[in-house]
PDB file of N, CA and C in Angstrom:
ATOM      1  N   MET A   1      -6.474  -3.266 -10.525  1.00  0.00           N
ATOM      2  CA  MET A   1      -7.108  -4.233  -9.636  1.00  0.00           C
ATOM      3  C   MET A   1      -8.589  -3.877  -9.539  1.00  0.00           C
ATOM      4  N   LYS A   2      -9.462  -4.779  -9.921  1.00  0.00           N
ATOM      5  CA  LYS A   2     -10.883  -4.484 -10.035  1.00  0.00           C
ATOM      6  C   LYS A   2     -11.598  -4.346  -8.697  1.00  0.00           C
ATOM      7  N   LEU A   3     -11.005  -4.774  -7.591  1.00  0.00           N
ATOM      8  CA  LEU A   3     -11.665  -4.673  -6.295  1.00  0.00           C
ATOM      9  C   LEU A   3     -11.515  -3.304  -5.651  1.00  0.00           C
ATOM     10  N   VAL A   4     -10.692  -2.455  -6.206  1.00  0.00           N
ATOM     11  CA  VAL A   4     -10.439  -1.131  -5.634  1.00  0.00           C
ATOM     12  C   VAL A   4     -11.355  -0.112  -6.296  1.00  0.00           C
ATOM     13  N   ASP A   5     -11.919   0.765  -5.484  1.00  0.00           N
ATOM     14  CA  ASP A   5     -12.784   1.832  -5.986  1.00  0.00           C
ATOM     15  C   ASP A   5     -12.016   2.655  -7.012  1.00  0.00           C
ATOM     16  N   GLU A   6     -12.581   2.792  -8.205  1.00  0.00           N
ATOM     17  CA  GLU A   6     -11.898   3.494  -9.291  1.00  0.00           C
ATOM     18  C   GLU A   6     -11.724   4.985  -9.022  1.00  0.00           C
ATOM     19  N   THR A   7     -12.482   5.534  -8.068  1.00  0.00           N
ATOM     20  CA  THR A   7     -12.345   6.960  -7.762  1.00  0.00           C
ATOM     21  C   THR A   7     -11.139   7.238  -6.865  1.00  0.00           C
ATOM     22  N   LEU A   8     -10.538   6.194  -6.301  1.00  0.00           N
ATOM     23  CA  LEU A   8      -9.347   6.383  -5.473  1.00  0.00           C
ATOM     24  C   LEU A   8      -8.139   6.666  -6.356  1.00  0.00           C
ATOM     25  N   ASP A   9      -7.268   7.498  -5.847  1.00  0.00           N
ATOM     26  CA  ASP A   9      -6.040   7.829  -6.560  1.00  0.00           C
ATOM     27  C   ASP A   9      -5.033   6.698  -6.352  1.00  0.00           C
ATOM     28  N   PRO A  10      -4.558   6.050  -7.416  1.00  0.00           N
ATOM     29  CA  PRO A  10      -3.610   4.937  -7.270  1.00  0.00           C
ATOM     30  C   PRO A  10      -2.323   5.327  -6.546  1.00  0.00           C
ATOM     31  N   ILE A  11      -2.028   6.600  -6.490  1.00  0.00           N
ATOM     32  CA  ILE A  11      -0.835   7.053  -5.772  1.00  0.00           C
ATOM     33  C   ILE A  11      -1.019   6.890  -4.263  1.00  0.00           C
ATOM     34  N   GLU A  12      -2.279   6.852  -3.800  1.00  0.00           N
ATOM     35  CA  GLU A  12      -2.569   6.797  -2.368  1.00  0.00           C
ATOM     36  C   GLU A  12      -2.496   5.395  -1.779  1.00  0.00           C
ATOM     37  N   TYR A  13      -2.358   4.373  -2.579  1.00  0.00           N
ATOM     38  CA  TYR A  13      -2.254   3.012  -2.064  1.00  0.00           C
ATOM     39  C   TYR A  13      -1.292   2.202  -2.927  1.00  0.00           C
ATOM     40  N   ARG A  14      -0.747   1.156  -2.306  1.00  0.00           N
ATOM     41  CA  ARG A  14       0.129   0.244  -3.043  1.00  0.00           C
ATOM     42  C   ARG A  14      -0.639  -1.043  -3.316  1.00  0.00           C
ATOM     43  N   GLU A  15      -0.464  -1.587  -4.503  1.00  0.00           N
ATOM     44  CA  GLU A  15      -1.190  -2.801  -4.876  1.00  0.00           C
ATOM     45  C   GLU A  15      -0.885  -3.949  -3.921  1.00  0.00           C
ATOM     46  N   GLU A  16       0.353  -4.057  -3.443  1.00  0.00           N
ATOM     47  CA  GLU A  16       0.688  -5.142  -2.517  1.00  0.00           C
ATOM     48  C   GLU A  16      -0.059  -4.993  -1.195  1.00  0.00           C
ATOM     49  N   ASP A  17      -0.323  -3.736  -0.756  1.00  0.00           N
ATOM     50  CA  ASP A  17      -1.106  -3.524   0.465  1.00  0.00           C
ATOM     51  C   ASP A  17      -2.555  -3.962   0.258  1.00  0.00           C
ATOM     52  N   ILE A  18      -3.107  -3.650  -0.907  1.00  0.00           N
ATOM     53  CA  ILE A  18      -4.482  -4.044  -1.214  1.00  0.00           C
ATOM     54  C   ILE A  18      -4.590  -5.566  -1.249  1.00  0.00           C
ATOM     55  N   ARG A  19      -3.632  -6.226  -1.881  1.00  0.00           N
ATOM     56  CA  ARG A  19      -3.639  -7.696  -1.934  1.00  0.00           C
ATOM     57  C   ARG A  19      -3.570  -8.285  -0.523  1.00  0.00           C
ATOM     58  N   LYS A  20      -2.753  -7.701   0.334  1.00  0.00           N
ATOM     59  CA  LYS A  20      -2.610  -8.173   1.707  1.00  0.00           C
ATOM     60  C   LYS A  20      -3.937  -8.036   2.453  1.00  0.00           C
ATOM     61  N   ILE A  21      -4.602  -6.901   2.301  1.00  0.00           N
ATOM     62  CA  ILE A  21      -5.881  -6.667   2.975  1.00  0.00           C
ATOM     63  C   ILE A  21      -6.936  -7.651   2.471  1.00  0.00           C
ATOM     64  N   ILE A  22      -6.963  -7.888   1.172  1.00  0.00           N
ATOM     65  CA  ILE A  22      -7.932  -8.834   0.603  1.00  0.00           C
ATOM     66  C   ILE A  22      -7.667 -10.242   1.126  1.00  0.00           C
ATOM     67  N   GLU A  23      -6.404 -10.635   1.190  1.00  0.00           N
ATOM     68  CA  GLU A  23      -6.065 -11.967   1.695  1.00  0.00           C
ATOM     69  C   GLU A  23      -6.486 -12.115   3.155  1.00  0.00           C
ATOM     70  N   ILE A  24      -6.239 -11.093   3.968  1.00  0.00           N
ATOM     71  CA  ILE A  24      -6.648 -11.132   5.373  1.00  0.00           C
ATOM     72  C   ILE A  24      -8.170 -11.212   5.469  1.00  0.00           C
ATOM     73  N   ALA A  25      -8.864 -10.415   4.655  1.00  0.00           N
ATOM     74  CA  ALA A  25     -10.332 -10.435   4.668  1.00  0.00           C
ATOM     75  C   ALA A  25     -10.868 -11.817   4.304  1.00  0.00           C
ATOM     76  N   LEU A  26     -10.267 -12.454   3.307  1.00  0.00           N
ATOM     77  CA  LEU A  26     -10.706 -13.800   2.923  1.00  0.00           C
ATOM     78  C   LEU A  26     -10.458 -14.813   4.036  1.00  0.00           C
ATOM     79  N   MET A  27      -9.355 -14.653   4.765  1.00  0.00           N
ATOM     80  CA  MET A  27      -9.086 -15.552   5.889  1.00  0.00           C
ATOM     81  C   MET A  27     -10.177 -15.424   6.948  1.00  0.00           C
ATOM     82  N   CYS A  28     -10.736 -14.216   7.101  1.00  0.00           N
ATOM     83  CA  CYS A  28     -11.750 -13.955   8.124  1.00  0.00           C
ATOM     84  C   CYS A  28     -13.128 -14.483   7.743  1.00  0.00           C
ATOM     85  N   THR A  29     -13.304 -14.948   6.520  1.00  0.00           N
ATOM     86  CA  THR A  29     -14.615 -15.411   6.067  1.00  0.00           C
ATOM     87  C   THR A  29     -14.674 -16.911   5.840  1.00  0.00           C
ATOM     88  N   GLN A  30     -13.601 -17.615   6.150  1.00  0.00           N
ATOM     89  CA  GLN A  30     -13.534 -19.042   5.841  1.00  0.00           C
ATOM     90  C   GLN A  30     -14.362 -19.872   6.810  1.00  0.00           C
ATOM     91  N   SER A  31     -14.771 -21.019   6.317  1.00  0.00           N
ATOM     92  CA  SER A  31     -15.516 -21.976   7.106  1.00  0.00           C
ATOM     93  C   SER A  31     -14.629 -23.205   7.258  1.00  0.00           C
ATOM     94  N   PRO A  32     -14.545 -23.799   8.406  1.00  0.00           N
ATOM     95  CA  PRO A  32     -15.231 -23.493   9.652  1.00  0.00           C
ATOM     96  C   PRO A  32     -14.605 -22.306  10.377  1.00  0.00           C
ATOM     97  N   VAL A  33     -15.362 -21.784  11.318  1.00  0.00           N
ATOM     98  CA  VAL A  33     -14.926 -20.608  12.073  1.00  0.00           C
ATOM     99  C   VAL A  33     -13.596 -20.860  12.774  1.00  0.00           C
ATOM    100  N   SER A  34     -13.340 -22.086  13.160  1.00  0.00           N
ATOM    101  CA  SER A  34     -12.122 -22.410  13.912  1.00  0.00           C
ATOM    102  C   SER A  34     -10.835 -22.135  13.144  1.00  0.00           C
ATOM    103  N   VAL A  35     -10.885 -22.034  11.807  1.00  0.00           N
ATOM    104  CA  VAL A  35      -9.668 -21.762  11.036  1.00  0.00           C
ATOM    105  C   VAL A  35      -9.475 -20.274  10.759  1.00  0.00           C
ATOM    106  N   ARG A  36     -10.427 -19.447  11.177  1.00  0.00           N
ATOM    107  CA  ARG A  36     -10.300 -18.003  10.975  1.00  0.00           C
ATOM    108  C   ARG A  36      -9.305 -17.428  11.982  1.00  0.00           C
ATOM    109  N   PRO A  37      -8.577 -16.380  11.602  1.00  0.00           N
ATOM    110  CA  PRO A  37      -7.652 -15.757  12.554  1.00  0.00           C
ATOM    111  C   PRO A  37      -8.426 -15.017  13.641  1.00  0.00           C
ATOM    112  N   SER A  38      -7.824 -14.919  14.813  1.00  0.00           N
ATOM    113  CA  SER A  38      -8.441 -14.144  15.895  1.00  0.00           C
ATOM    114  C   SER A  38      -8.296 -12.659  15.583  1.00  0.00           C
ATOM    115  N   MET A  39      -9.039 -11.820  16.296  1.00  0.00           N
ATOM    116  CA  MET A  39      -8.943 -10.378  16.056  1.00  0.00           C
ATOM    117  C   MET A  39      -7.532  -9.873  16.347  1.00  0.00           C
ATOM    118  N   SER A  40      -6.884 -10.419  17.364  1.00  0.00           N
ATOM    119  CA  SER A  40      -5.519  -9.974  17.656  1.00  0.00           C
ATOM    120  C   SER A  40      -4.572 -10.342  16.512  1.00  0.00           C
ATOM    121  N   GLU A  41      -4.777 -11.498  15.889  1.00  0.00           N
ATOM    122  CA  GLU A  41      -3.964 -11.868  14.723  1.00  0.00           C
ATOM    123  C   GLU A  41      -4.238 -10.929  13.549  1.00  0.00           C
ATOM    124  N   VAL A  42      -5.507 -10.571  13.349  1.00  0.00           N
ATOM    125  CA  VAL A  42      -5.867  -9.657  12.260  1.00  0.00           C
ATOM    126  C   VAL A  42      -5.213  -8.300  12.478  1.00  0.00           C
ATOM    127  N   VAL A  43      -5.292  -7.787  13.704  1.00  0.00           N
ATOM    128  CA  VAL A  43      -4.668  -6.493  14.010  1.00  0.00           C
ATOM    129  C   VAL A  43      -3.173  -6.559  13.758  1.00  0.00           C
ATOM    130  N   MET A  44      -2.536  -7.648  14.195  1.00  0.00           N
ATOM    131  CA  MET A  44      -1.100  -7.816  13.983  1.00  0.00           C
ATOM    132  C   MET A  44      -0.776  -7.849  12.488  1.00  0.00           C
ATOM    133  N   LEU A  45      -1.560  -8.605  11.720  1.00  0.00           N
ATOM    134  CA  LEU A  45      -1.317  -8.705  10.280  1.00  0.00           C
ATOM    135  C   LEU A  45      -1.526  -7.370   9.578  1.00  0.00           C
ATOM    136  N   LEU A  46      -2.562  -6.629   9.973  1.00  0.00           N
ATOM    137  CA  LEU A  46      -2.834  -5.337   9.343  1.00  0.00           C
ATOM    138  C   LEU A  46      -1.796  -4.281   9.707  1.00  0.00           C
ATOM    139  N   SER A  47      -1.290  -4.327  10.928  1.00  0.00           N
ATOM    140  CA  SER A  47      -0.335  -3.302  11.359  1.00  0.00           C
ATOM    141  C   SER A  47       1.093  -3.603  10.924  1.00  0.00           C
ATOM    142  N   ASP A  48       1.367  -4.836  10.536  1.00  0.00           N
ATOM    143  CA  ASP A  48       2.708  -5.217  10.099  1.00  0.00           C
ATOM    144  C   ASP A  48       2.922  -4.746   8.664  1.00  0.00           C
ATOM    145  N   ARG A  49       3.868  -3.847   8.460  1.00  0.00           N
ATOM    146  CA  ARG A  49       4.128  -3.283   7.129  1.00  0.00           C
ATOM    147  C   ARG A  49       4.881  -4.257   6.229  1.00  0.00           C
ATOM    148  N   SER A  50       5.488  -5.262   6.810  1.00  0.00           N
ATOM    149  CA  SER A  50       6.219  -6.223   5.979  1.00  0.00           C
ATOM    150  C   SER A  50       5.246  -7.210   5.343  1.00  0.00           C
ATOM    151  N   ARG A  51       5.738  -7.924   4.393  1.00  0.00           N
ATOM    152  CA  ARG A  51       4.927  -8.926   3.689  1.00  0.00           C
ATOM    153  C   ARG A  51       4.614 -10.077   4.639  1.00  0.00           C
ATOM    154  N   MET A  52       3.429 -10.658   4.519  1.00  0.00           N
ATOM    155  CA  MET A  52       3.047 -11.769   5.389  1.00  0.00           C
ATOM    156  C   MET A  52       3.930 -12.969   5.091  1.00  0.00           C
ATOM    157  N   GLN A  53       4.754 -13.349   6.042  1.00  0.00           N
ATOM    158  CA  GLN A  53       5.636 -14.495   5.861  1.00  0.00           C
ATOM    159  C   GLN A  53       4.883 -15.803   6.095  1.00  0.00           C
ATOM    160  N   ASN A  54       4.161 -15.887   7.206  1.00  0.00           N
ATOM    161  CA  ASN A  54       3.426 -17.104   7.557  1.00  0.00           C
ATOM    162  C   ASN A  54       1.994 -16.749   7.923  1.00  0.00           C
ATOM    163  N   PRO A  55       1.143 -16.539   6.931  1.00  0.00           N
ATOM    164  CA  PRO A  55      -0.240 -16.205   7.262  1.00  0.00           C
ATOM    165  C   PRO A  55      -0.909 -17.366   7.984  1.00  0.00           C
ATOM    166  N   PRO A  56      -1.899 -17.084   8.831  1.00  0.00           N
ATOM    167  CA  PRO A  56      -2.593 -18.169   9.530  1.00  0.00           C
ATOM    168  C   PRO A  56      -3.145 -19.183   8.534  1.00  0.00           C
ATOM    169  N   THR A  57      -3.169 -20.437   8.940  1.00  0.00           N
ATOM    170  CA  THR A  57      -3.674 -21.500   8.074  1.00  0.00           C
ATOM    171  C   THR A  57      -5.136 -21.249   7.773  1.00  0.00           C
ATOM    172  N   ARG A  58      -5.515 -21.489   6.538  1.00  0.00           N
ATOM    173  CA  ARG A  58      -6.913 -21.290   6.176  1.00  0.00           C
ATOM    174  C   ARG A  58      -7.324 -22.321   5.136  1.00  0.00           C
ATOM    175  N   LYS A  59      -8.578 -22.671   5.160  1.00  0.00           N
ATOM    176  CA  LYS A  59      -9.156 -23.576   4.165  1.00  0.00           C
ATOM    177  C   LYS A  59      -9.434 -22.771   2.910  1.00  0.00           C
ATOM    178  N   ASN A  60      -9.224 -23.356   1.751  1.00  0.00           N
ATOM    179  CA  ASN A  60      -9.539 -22.668   0.501  1.00  0.00           C
ATOM    180  C   ASN A  60     -11.034 -22.441   0.386  1.00  0.00           C
ATOM    181  N   LEU A  61     -11.403 -21.371  -0.277  1.00  0.00           N
ATOM    182  CA  LEU A  61     -12.803 -21.062  -0.506  1.00  0.00           C
ATOM    183  C   LEU A  61     -13.409 -22.138  -1.393  1.00  0.00           C
ATOM    184  N   ASN A  62     -14.491 -22.725  -0.938  1.00  0.00           N
ATOM    185  CA  ASN A  62     -15.151 -23.788  -1.682  1.00  0.00           C
ATOM    186  C   ASN A  62     -16.393 -23.213  -2.347  1.00  0.00           C
ATOM    187  N   MET A  63     -16.343 -23.035  -3.661  1.00  0.00           N
ATOM    188  CA  MET A  63     -17.456 -22.422  -4.378  1.00  0.00           C
ATOM    189  C   MET A  63     -18.712 -23.282  -4.331  1.00  0.00           C
ATOM    190  N   SER A  64     -18.606 -24.564  -4.021  1.00  0.00           N
ATOM    191  CA  SER A  64     -19.803 -25.403  -3.943  1.00  0.00           C
ATOM    192  C   SER A  64     -20.638 -25.067  -2.714  1.00  0.00           C
ATOM    193  N   ASP A  65     -20.056 -24.324  -1.754  1.00  0.00           N
ATOM    194  CA  ASP A  65     -20.797 -23.897  -0.569  1.00  0.00           C
ATOM    195  C   ASP A  65     -21.686 -22.690  -0.853  1.00  0.00           C
ATOM    196  N   ILE A  66     -21.542 -22.088  -2.029  1.00  0.00           N
ATOM    197  CA  ILE A  66     -22.251 -20.853  -2.347  1.00  0.00           C
ATOM    198  C   ILE A  66     -23.480 -21.161  -3.186  1.00  0.00           C
ATOM    199  N   THR A  67     -24.606 -20.631  -2.753  1.00  0.00           N
ATOM    200  CA  THR A  67     -25.854 -20.801  -3.484  1.00  0.00           C
ATOM    201  C   THR A  67     -26.302 -19.452  -4.002  1.00  0.00           C
ATOM    202  N   ILE A  68     -26.656 -19.381  -5.262  1.00  0.00           N
ATOM    203  CA  ILE A  68     -27.135 -18.134  -5.854  1.00  0.00           C
ATOM    204  C   ILE A  68     -28.579 -18.342  -6.269  1.00  0.00           C
ATOM    205  N   GLN A  69     -29.450 -17.444  -5.795  1.00  0.00           N
ATOM    206  CA  GLN A  69     -30.853 -17.500  -6.159  1.00  0.00           C
ATOM    207  C   GLN A  69     -31.221 -16.200  -6.843  1.00  0.00           C
ATOM    208  N   VAL A  70     -31.925 -16.289  -7.951  1.00  0.00           N
ATOM    209  CA  VAL A  70     -32.377 -15.096  -8.652  1.00  0.00           C
ATOM    210  C   VAL A  70     -33.842 -14.905  -8.331  1.00  0.00           C
ATOM    211  N   ASP A  71     -34.182 -13.734  -7.801  1.00  0.00           N
ATOM    212  CA  ASP A  71     -35.555 -13.402  -7.451  1.00  0.00           C
ATOM    213  C   ASP A  71     -36.304 -13.029  -8.725  1.00  0.00           C
ATOM    214  N   SER A  72     -37.311 -13.808  -9.069  1.00  0.00           N
ATOM    215  CA  SER A  72     -38.048 -13.547 -10.304  1.00  0.00           C
ATOM    216  C   SER A  72     -39.337 -12.777 -10.045  1.00  0.00           C
ATOM    217  N   SER A  73     -39.406 -12.058  -8.925  1.00  0.00           N
ATOM    218  CA  SER A  73     -40.592 -11.256  -8.640  1.00  0.00           C
ATOM    219  C   SER A  73     -40.653 -10.068  -9.589  1.00  0.00           C
ATOM    220  N   THR A  74     -41.669  -9.244  -9.433  1.00  0.00           N
ATOM    221  CA  THR A  74     -41.858  -8.121 -10.345  1.00  0.00           C
ATOM    222  C   THR A  74     -40.880  -6.981 -10.105  1.00  0.00           C
ATOM    223  N   SER A  75     -40.175  -6.989  -8.979  1.00  0.00           N
ATOM    224  CA  SER A  75     -39.219  -5.909  -8.722  1.00  0.00           C
ATOM    225  C   SER A  75     -37.967  -6.115  -9.567  1.00  0.00           C
ATOM    226  N   PRO A  76     -37.318  -5.013  -9.977  1.00  0.00           N
ATOM    227  CA  PRO A  76     -36.111  -5.140 -10.813  1.00  0.00           C
ATOM    228  C   PRO A  76     -34.850  -5.371  -9.995  1.00  0.00           C
ATOM    229  N   ALA A  77     -34.944  -6.105  -8.896  1.00  0.00           N
ATOM    230  CA  ALA A  77     -33.785  -6.365  -8.043  1.00  0.00           C
ATOM    231  C   ALA A  77     -33.340  -7.807  -8.233  1.00  0.00           C
ATOM    232  N   MET A  78     -32.058  -8.044  -8.007  1.00  0.00           N
ATOM    233  CA  MET A  78     -31.515  -9.388  -8.098  1.00  0.00           C
ATOM    234  C   MET A  78     -31.020  -9.770  -6.716  1.00  0.00           C
ATOM    235  N   SER A  79     -31.434 -10.918  -6.185  1.00  0.00           N
ATOM    236  CA  SER A  79     -31.021 -11.358  -4.862  1.00  0.00           C
ATOM    237  C   SER A  79     -30.086 -12.543  -4.984  1.00  0.00           C
ATOM    238  N   MET A  80     -29.059 -12.546  -4.152  1.00  0.00           N
ATOM    239  CA  MET A  80     -28.142 -13.669  -4.073  1.00  0.00           C
ATOM    240  C   MET A  80     -28.065 -14.077  -2.615  1.00  0.00           C
ATOM    241  N   SER A  81     -28.048 -15.363  -2.350  1.00  0.00           N
ATOM    242  CA  SER A  81     -28.049 -15.816  -0.970  1.00  0.00           C
ATOM    243  C   SER A  81     -26.974 -16.871  -0.754  1.00  0.00           C
ATOM    244  N   ASN A  82     -26.302 -16.782   0.395  1.00  0.00           N
ATOM    245  CA  ASN A  82     -25.308 -17.757   0.819  1.00  0.00           C
ATOM    246  C   ASN A  82     -25.495 -17.939   2.313  1.00  0.00           C
ATOM    247  N   ALA A  83     -26.132 -19.011   2.707  1.00  0.00           N
ATOM    248  CA  ALA A  83     -26.397 -19.301   4.109  1.00  0.00           C
ATOM    249  C   ALA A  83     -27.125 -18.131   4.755  1.00  0.00           C
ATOM    250  N   ASP A  84     -26.483 -17.477   5.741  1.00  0.00           N
ATOM    251  CA  ASP A  84     -27.126 -16.401   6.480  1.00  0.00           C
ATOM    252  C   ASP A  84     -26.938 -15.030   5.845  1.00  0.00           C
ATOM    253  N   ALA A  85     -26.173 -14.936   4.780  1.00  0.00           N
ATOM    254  CA  ALA A  85     -25.887 -13.637   4.165  1.00  0.00           C
ATOM    255  C   ALA A  85     -26.749 -13.445   2.925  1.00  0.00           C
ATOM    256  N   THR A  86     -27.228 -12.221   2.746  1.00  0.00           N
ATOM    257  CA  THR A  86     -28.016 -11.898   1.561  1.00  0.00           C
ATOM    258  C   THR A  86     -27.476 -10.624   0.945  1.00  0.00           C
ATOM    259  N   ILE A  87     -27.299 -10.624  -0.356  1.00  0.00           N
ATOM    260  CA  ILE A  87     -26.852  -9.446  -1.091  1.00  0.00           C
ATOM    261  C   ILE A  87     -27.940  -9.117  -2.094  1.00  0.00           C
ATOM    262  N   THR A  88     -28.385  -7.872  -2.096  1.00  0.00           N
ATOM    263  CA  THR A  88     -29.413  -7.449  -3.038  1.00  0.00           C
ATOM    264  C   THR A  88     -28.863  -6.329  -3.896  1.00  0.00           C
ATOM    265  N   GLU A  89     -28.943  -6.489  -5.197  1.00  0.00           N
ATOM    266  CA  GLU A  89     -28.513  -5.449  -6.130  1.00  0.00           C
ATOM    267  C   GLU A  89     -29.751  -4.792  -6.694  1.00  0.00           C
ATOM    268  N   LEU A  90     -29.836  -3.471  -6.543  1.00  0.00           N
ATOM    269  CA  LEU A  90     -30.961  -2.733  -7.085  1.00  0.00           C
ATOM    270  C   LEU A  90     -30.559  -2.107  -8.400  1.00  0.00           C
ATOM    271  N   GLU A  91     -31.487  -2.082  -9.331  1.00  0.00           N
ATOM    272  CA  GLU A  91     -31.228  -1.474 -10.628  1.00  0.00           C
ATOM    273  C   GLU A  91     -32.088  -0.233 -10.770  1.00  0.00           C
ATOM    274  N   GLY A  92     -31.533   0.803 -11.388  1.00  0.00           N
ATOM    275  CA  GLY A  92     -32.287   2.025 -11.634  1.00  0.00           C
ATOM    276  C   GLY A  92     -33.316   1.820 -12.721  1.00  0.00           C
ATOM    277  N   ARG A  93     -34.221   2.760 -12.802  1.00  0.00           N
ATOM    278  CA  ARG A  93     -35.279   2.662 -13.821  1.00  0.00           C
ATOM    279  C   ARG A  93     -34.764   2.948 -15.186  1.00  0.00           C
TER     280      ARG A  93
END
């Protein structure tokens, strides 16, 4: 699974647990805010060791809502922007 840090020992986690955490995280980032689970629902979902039977309803991620901008300044950094969030990747020399 490419989302897991490669330095972690695969014996220390189960792939189904990682998938569950990723699914919960995605539910927490959906738009509009009204479809996101409450913190108490998130805690319940994270603490429940069984498989999620009925996860909270969520809107699918709409890739058309995402805007990517490449900073063409003289710095060797790449900027990506989505509404209020900014991610900057720095490159070594």
